[in-house]
Amino acid sequence: MCKTCGYWHYQQYKDVEEIVNHSSPSVTLRYIGINQDNIDKSYMNFSL
């Protein structure tokens, strides 16, 4: 359940600082299943 909650929190707020208290944000992203492809895709769709 923690993993699912962390995944949806990230999807909504794009914040990994307070999700599950891992040693680094990259560990948290890997734990919740966000990989570099998803990150790259979100940057491609971003515009100011």
C-alpha atoms as a PDB file:
ATOM      1  CA  MET A   1       0.000   0.000   0.000  1.00  0.00           C
ATOM      2  CA  CYS A   2       2.859   2.402   0.758  1.00  0.00           C
ATOM      3  CA  LYS A   3       4.245   1.915  -2.738  1.00  0.00           C
ATOM      4  CA  THR A   4       0.882   2.661  -4.374  1.00  0.00           C
ATOM      5  CA  CYS A   5       0.297   5.706  -2.195  1.00  0.00           C
ATOM      6  CA  GLY A   6       3.798   6.969  -3.006  1.00  0.00           C
ATOM      7  CA  TYR A   7       3.249   6.445  -6.728  1.00  0.00           C
ATOM      8  CA  TRP A   8       0.004   8.424  -6.804  1.00  0.00           C
ATOM      9  CA  HIS A   9       1.394  11.161  -4.569  1.00  0.00           C
ATOM     10  CA  TYR A  10       4.260  11.594  -7.020  1.00  0.00           C
ATOM     11  CA  GLN A  11       1.881  11.593 -10.010  1.00  0.00           C
ATOM     12  CA  GLN A  12      -0.201  14.361  -8.463  1.00  0.00           C
ATOM     13  CA  TYR A  13       2.442  16.572  -6.827  1.00  0.00           C
ATOM     14  CA  LYS A  14       5.759  15.535  -8.496  1.00  0.00           C
ATOM     15  CA  ASP A  15       7.321  15.666  -5.036  1.00  0.00           C
ATOM     16  CA  VAL A  16       9.380  12.780  -3.686  1.00  0.00           C
ATOM     17  CA  GLU A  17      10.943  14.509  -0.694  1.00  0.00           C
ATOM     18  CA  GLU A  18       8.354  13.365   1.837  1.00  0.00           C
ATOM     19  CA  ILE A  19       6.937  10.184   0.321  1.00  0.00           C
ATOM     20  CA  VAL A  20       8.698   7.288   2.053  1.00  0.00           C
ATOM     21  CA  ASN A  21      11.919   8.654   3.610  1.00  0.00           C
ATOM     22  CA  HIS A  22      14.447   6.878   1.403  1.00  0.00           C
ATOM     23  CA  SER A  23      18.087   7.959   1.426  1.00  0.00           C
ATOM     24  CA  SER A  24      17.745   9.844  -1.861  1.00  0.00           C
ATOM     25  CA  PRO A  25      15.033  10.898  -4.323  1.00  0.00           C
ATOM     26  CA  SER A  26      16.368   8.510  -6.974  1.00  0.00           C
ATOM     27  CA  VAL A  27      15.873   5.546  -4.630  1.00  0.00           C
ATOM     28  CA  THR A  28      12.298   6.665  -3.948  1.00  0.00           C
ATOM     29  CA  LEU A  29      11.536   7.045  -7.665  1.00  0.00           C
ATOM     30  CA  ARG A  30      12.912   3.579  -8.388  1.00  0.00           C
ATOM     31  CA  TYR A  31      10.896   2.133  -5.481  1.00  0.00           C
ATOM     32  CA  ILE A  32       7.593   3.573  -6.709  1.00  0.00           C
ATOM     33  CA  GLY A  33       8.283   2.553 -10.312  1.00  0.00           C
ATOM     34  CA  ILE A  34       9.077   5.865 -11.956  1.00  0.00           C
ATOM     35  CA  ASN A  35      11.897   5.325 -14.430  1.00  0.00           C
ATOM     36  CA  GLN A  36      13.940   7.725 -16.512  1.00  0.00           C
ATOM     37  CA  ASP A  37      11.657   7.288 -19.537  1.00  0.00           C
ATOM     38  CA  ASN A  38       8.699   8.625 -17.566  1.00  0.00           C
ATOM     39  CA  ILE A  39      10.774  11.549 -16.361  1.00  0.00           C
ATOM     40  CA  ASP A  40      11.995  12.347 -19.888  1.00  0.00           C
ATOM     41  CA  LYS A  41       8.420  12.120 -21.213  1.00  0.00           C
ATOM     42  CA  SER A  42       7.174  14.580 -18.595  1.00  0.00           C
ATOM     43  CA  TYR A  43       9.897  17.066 -19.592  1.00  0.00           C
ATOM     44  CA  MET A  44       9.027  16.716 -23.284  1.00  0.00           C
ATOM     45  CA  ASN A  45       5.410  17.667 -22.533  1.00  0.00           C
ATOM     46  CA  PHE A  46       6.400  20.625 -20.355  1.00  0.00           C
ATOM     47  CA  SER A  47       6.144  24.145 -21.718  1.00  0.00           C
ATOM     48  CA  LEU A  48       6.156  27.609 -20.248  1.00  0.00           C
END
